[in-house]
Amino acid sequence: MEKLKVHSESFQVFVGCAGAALQVGLAITDYIEPDDVSFGPVYAAFALILLASARYAFLGPAQAVLFFAVCGLQTADTLNPFYGLGFAAIAVLVLFRRGNFSTRGTIKAAGASAVGISLFAIPILLLGKGGMAWLPVSICAAIYTALVFGLARSGELSSLVPKKRVLRLAEYKLLPREIRIVKARLGGRSVKELASDFGLAESTIRNALSFSYRKLNIDGAEDLMTLGERYRVE
């Protein structure tokens, strides 16, 4: 099995590269037309993270977070939520493509809707804008909410979510205890927590993980997490 440092999922690569280009454009625009508060350095930092996410699978979840953040920054900078709507929509598409709405979709859609609507409304609220300023907020909130729930509840679009291939650890000659440890590690348990869970010394857990990495032909914990991103591990 090849080493798993690079994530091959094309959508994540595309979003990372295209998103980085967008952030560079925003940073340049902010430099050319400076405001009282400059977000240029923030956009530049976002560009670097998005570019890294095109290569490393474990940074995939950061893409949606960053686009939500840009939505808030753009709305606050322009006081026009239409500038932020596109970035919020990209964030939701990223969540959808990562399968975040595949289970308990309605509940998760409600949460995503609350995040987006807050990003549209809070800058207007903090600056005490009223009257007609809330009309674009309402329009953006309606469009955004329709998009979120449409993606979460659409049976046809759910077929676009990339399906993970199954990787069976037993086929790589991992022992039953090693399989249990690897699965628990993929679930986010630390070495110390694993030692407590299995009633073993931390050195024993580290040795079991080391043997497992060797059998899977990967270099360490980072590669293991990448494996978990690419495959459904059984």
Protein backbone atom coordinates (compact mmCIF):
# COMPACT_ATOMS: atom_id res chain seq x y z
CA MET A 1 0.00 0.00 0.00
CA GLU A 2 1.34 3.46 -0.93
CA LYS A 3 2.23 6.02 1.68
CA LEU A 4 -0.79 8.17 2.53
CA LYS A 5 0.61 11.64 3.05
CA VAL A 6 -1.30 13.08 0.08
CA HIS A 7 -5.09 13.15 -0.10
CA SER A 8 -6.39 12.28 -3.56
CA GLU A 9 -9.95 13.59 -3.17
CA SER A 10 -10.17 16.04 -6.06
CA PHE A 11 -12.81 18.34 -4.57
CA GLN A 12 -10.67 19.12 -1.53
CA VAL A 13 -7.70 19.84 -3.79
CA PHE A 14 -9.81 22.12 -6.00
CA VAL A 15 -11.31 24.03 -3.05
CA GLY A 16 -7.88 24.42 -1.46
CA CYS A 17 -6.25 25.83 -4.59
CA ALA A 18 -9.19 27.97 -5.73
CA GLY A 19 -9.80 29.21 -2.21
CA ALA A 20 -6.16 30.20 -1.80
CA ALA A 21 -6.37 32.20 -5.05
CA LEU A 22 -9.50 33.97 -3.78
CA GLN A 23 -7.80 34.87 -0.51
CA VAL A 24 -4.80 36.28 -2.35
CA GLY A 25 -7.19 38.39 -4.43
CA LEU A 26 -8.88 39.70 -1.29
CA ALA A 27 -5.53 40.47 0.31
CA ILE A 28 -4.38 42.41 -2.77
CA THR A 29 -7.67 44.33 -2.93
CA ASP A 30 -7.36 45.21 0.74
CA TYR A 31 -3.81 46.47 0.13
CA ILE A 32 -4.81 48.58 -2.88
CA GLU A 33 -7.92 50.00 -1.19
CA PRO A 34 -7.02 50.09 2.51
CA ASP A 35 -9.78 50.63 5.07
CA ASP A 36 -9.61 51.65 8.70
CA VAL A 37 -9.20 47.99 9.61
CA SER A 38 -7.02 45.90 7.31
CA PHE A 39 -7.84 42.22 6.92
CA GLY A 40 -5.10 41.68 4.33
CA PRO A 41 -2.76 39.71 6.63
CA VAL A 42 -5.67 37.53 7.72
CA TYR A 43 -6.56 36.73 4.11
CA ALA A 44 -2.91 35.96 3.38
CA ALA A 45 -2.79 33.52 6.31
CA PHE A 46 -6.03 31.91 5.13
CA ALA A 47 -4.50 31.50 1.67
CA LEU A 48 -1.56 29.56 3.09
CA ILE A 49 -3.81 27.27 5.13
CA LEU A 50 -6.12 26.60 2.16
CA LEU A 51 -3.15 25.85 -0.06
CA ALA A 52 -1.89 23.37 2.54
CA SER A 53 -5.36 21.80 2.72
CA ALA A 54 -5.09 20.93 -0.97
CA ARG A 55 -2.26 18.58 -0.07
CA TYR A 56 -2.94 17.31 3.44
CA ALA A 57 -6.17 15.47 4.18
CA PHE A 58 -6.29 16.32 7.88
CA LEU A 59 -6.71 20.02 7.00
CA GLY A 60 -9.89 19.31 5.04
CA PRO A 61 -12.27 20.31 7.86
CA ALA A 62 -10.50 23.68 8.13
CA GLN A 63 -11.75 24.67 4.68
CA ALA A 64 -15.35 25.17 5.79
CA VAL A 65 -14.25 27.01 8.94
CA LEU A 66 -12.10 29.41 6.94
CA PHE A 67 -14.84 30.20 4.42
CA PHE A 68 -17.29 30.88 7.24
CA ALA A 69 -14.68 33.22 8.72
CA VAL A 70 -14.27 35.04 5.39
CA CYS A 71 -18.05 35.39 5.20
CA GLY A 72 -18.02 37.19 8.55
CA LEU A 73 -15.04 39.37 7.61
CA GLN A 74 -16.54 40.40 4.29
CA THR A 75 -19.89 41.22 5.85
CA ALA A 76 -18.22 43.26 8.60
CA ASP A 77 -15.91 45.03 6.13
CA THR A 78 -18.61 46.03 3.64
CA LEU A 79 -21.74 45.95 5.85
CA ASN A 80 -23.33 44.13 2.92
CA PRO A 81 -24.13 40.44 3.56
CA PHE A 82 -24.26 39.73 -0.16
CA TYR A 83 -20.46 39.92 -0.15
CA GLY A 84 -20.37 37.20 2.49
CA LEU A 85 -23.13 35.01 1.05
CA GLY A 86 -20.92 33.41 -1.59
CA PHE A 87 -18.30 32.38 0.96
CA ALA A 88 -20.95 30.96 3.30
CA ALA A 89 -22.33 28.96 0.37
CA ILE A 90 -18.86 27.55 -0.37
CA ALA A 91 -18.49 26.56 3.28
CA VAL A 92 -21.76 24.64 3.17
CA LEU A 93 -20.81 22.91 -0.09
CA VAL A 94 -17.56 21.81 1.54
CA LEU A 95 -19.50 20.41 4.51
CA PHE A 96 -21.86 18.62 2.13
CA ARG A 97 -19.09 17.09 0.04
CA ARG A 98 -17.40 15.85 3.19
CA GLY A 99 -20.61 14.02 4.12
CA ASN A 100 -21.43 16.13 7.17
CA PHE A 101 -25.15 16.05 6.38
CA SER A 102 -25.32 12.30 5.68
CA THR A 103 -26.54 11.59 9.23
CA ARG A 104 -28.86 13.77 11.35
CA GLY A 105 -28.94 16.12 8.38
CA THR A 106 -31.78 18.32 9.62
CA ILE A 107 -30.12 18.98 12.97
CA LYS A 108 -26.76 19.75 11.37
CA ALA A 109 -28.45 21.93 8.75
CA ALA A 110 -30.11 23.94 11.51
CA GLY A 111 -26.70 24.46 13.13
CA ALA A 112 -25.08 25.49 9.84
CA SER A 113 -27.98 27.86 9.15
CA ALA A 114 -27.59 29.48 12.57
CA VAL A 115 -23.88 30.04 11.95
CA GLY A 116 -24.42 31.66 8.56
CA ILE A 117 -27.33 33.86 9.63
CA SER A 118 -25.32 35.03 12.64
CA LEU A 119 -22.44 36.02 10.37
CA PHE A 120 -24.84 38.06 8.21
CA ALA A 121 -26.61 39.73 11.13
CA ILE A 122 -24.05 40.33 13.89
CA PRO A 123 -21.99 43.03 12.08
CA ILE A 124 -25.18 44.96 11.27
CA LEU A 125 -26.42 44.56 14.84
CA LEU A 126 -23.14 45.65 16.45
CA LEU A 127 -23.00 48.82 14.40
CA GLY A 128 -26.58 49.69 15.27
CA LYS A 129 -27.80 49.70 11.69
CA GLY A 130 -31.56 49.47 11.24
CA GLY A 131 -34.36 49.92 8.77
CA MET A 132 -33.39 49.02 5.22
CA ALA A 133 -30.04 47.60 6.35
CA TRP A 134 -31.88 44.48 7.49
CA LEU A 135 -33.48 43.83 4.09
CA PRO A 136 -30.32 42.37 2.47
CA VAL A 137 -29.69 40.41 5.67
CA SER A 138 -33.13 38.85 5.40
CA ILE A 139 -32.68 38.05 1.71
CA CYS A 140 -29.25 36.47 2.26
CA ALA A 141 -30.54 34.50 5.24
CA ALA A 142 -33.43 33.11 3.17
CA ILE A 143 -31.20 32.13 0.23
CA TYR A 144 -28.58 30.61 2.49
CA THR A 145 -31.08 28.65 4.60
CA ALA A 146 -32.74 27.26 1.47
CA LEU A 147 -29.34 26.12 0.19
CA VAL A 148 -28.37 24.47 3.47
CA PHE A 149 -31.59 22.54 3.94
CA GLY A 150 -31.77 21.73 0.23
CA LEU A 151 -28.37 20.05 0.37
CA ALA A 152 -29.09 18.34 3.68
CA ARG A 153 -32.42 16.87 2.60
CA SER A 154 -31.93 16.20 -1.09
CA GLY A 155 -31.77 12.52 -1.90
CA GLU A 156 -30.53 13.17 -5.43
CA LEU A 157 -27.64 15.39 -4.42
CA SER A 158 -26.56 13.02 -1.67
CA SER A 159 -25.30 10.71 -4.39
CA LEU A 160 -22.59 13.31 -5.10
CA VAL A 161 -20.98 12.72 -1.72
CA PRO A 162 -17.81 10.73 -2.37
CA LYS A 163 -18.01 7.21 -0.97
CA LYS A 164 -15.04 5.97 0.99
CA ARG A 165 -13.49 2.64 0.11
CA VAL A 166 -13.19 0.06 2.87
CA LEU A 167 -9.78 -0.77 4.29
CA ARG A 168 -9.75 -3.96 6.37
CA LEU A 169 -6.88 -3.95 8.84
CA ALA A 170 -6.90 -7.73 9.14
CA GLU A 171 -5.79 -7.97 5.51
CA TYR A 172 -2.55 -6.26 6.54
CA LYS A 173 -1.91 -8.90 9.19
CA LEU A 174 -2.70 -6.68 12.16
CA LEU A 175 -3.43 -8.66 15.31
CA PRO A 176 -6.89 -8.28 16.91
CA ARG A 177 -5.49 -6.13 19.72
CA GLU A 178 -3.58 -3.97 17.24
CA ILE A 179 -6.80 -3.48 15.25
CA ARG A 180 -8.67 -2.34 18.33
CA ILE A 181 -5.87 0.06 19.27
CA VAL A 182 -5.62 1.50 15.75
CA LYS A 183 -9.38 2.05 15.56
CA ALA A 184 -9.39 3.75 18.94
CA ARG A 185 -6.46 5.93 17.88
CA LEU A 186 -8.38 6.93 14.75
CA GLY A 187 -11.26 7.83 17.02
CA GLY A 188 -9.11 10.49 18.64
CA ARG A 189 -7.88 8.64 21.73
CA SER A 190 -4.41 9.62 22.97
CA VAL A 191 -1.71 7.11 23.90
CA LYS A 192 -2.35 7.83 27.58
CA GLU A 193 -6.09 7.29 27.16
CA LEU A 194 -5.49 4.08 25.21
CA ALA A 195 -3.26 2.75 27.97
CA SER A 196 -6.04 3.39 30.47
CA ASP A 197 -8.71 1.92 28.19
CA PHE A 198 -6.82 -1.31 27.53
CA GLY A 199 -5.15 -1.61 30.92
CA LEU A 200 -1.69 -1.59 29.34
CA ALA A 201 1.49 0.42 29.77
CA GLU A 202 1.92 3.43 27.51
CA SER A 203 5.08 1.85 26.09
CA THR A 204 3.05 -1.22 25.10
CA ILE A 205 0.53 0.98 23.28
CA ARG A 206 3.33 2.81 21.47
CA ASN A 207 4.90 -0.50 20.43
CA ALA A 208 1.55 -1.80 19.16
CA LEU A 209 1.04 1.36 17.14
CA SER A 210 4.58 1.20 15.80
CA PHE A 211 4.08 -2.40 14.63
CA SER A 212 0.76 -1.42 13.06
CA TYR A 213 2.32 1.51 11.19
CA ARG A 214 4.98 -0.81 9.82
CA LYS A 215 2.41 -3.35 8.62
CA LEU A 216 0.36 -0.61 6.98
CA ASN A 217 3.51 0.87 5.39
CA ILE A 218 2.91 4.32 6.86
CA ASP A 219 5.25 6.58 8.80
CA GLY A 220 3.31 7.50 11.91
CA ALA A 221 0.26 9.05 13.53
CA GLU A 222 -0.16 11.77 10.91
CA ASP A 223 -0.28 9.20 8.12
CA LEU A 224 -2.72 7.12 10.17
CA MET A 225 -5.11 10.09 10.40
CA THR A 226 -4.77 10.59 6.65
CA LEU A 227 -5.66 6.94 6.18
CA GLY A 228 -8.78 7.52 8.26
CA GLU A 229 -9.73 10.43 6.01
CA ARG A 230 -9.36 8.41 2.82
CA TYR A 231 -10.85 5.07 3.88
CA ARG A 232 -13.55 3.57 6.03
CA VAL A 233 -11.35 1.53 8.34
CA GLU A 234 -12.67 -1.83 9.54
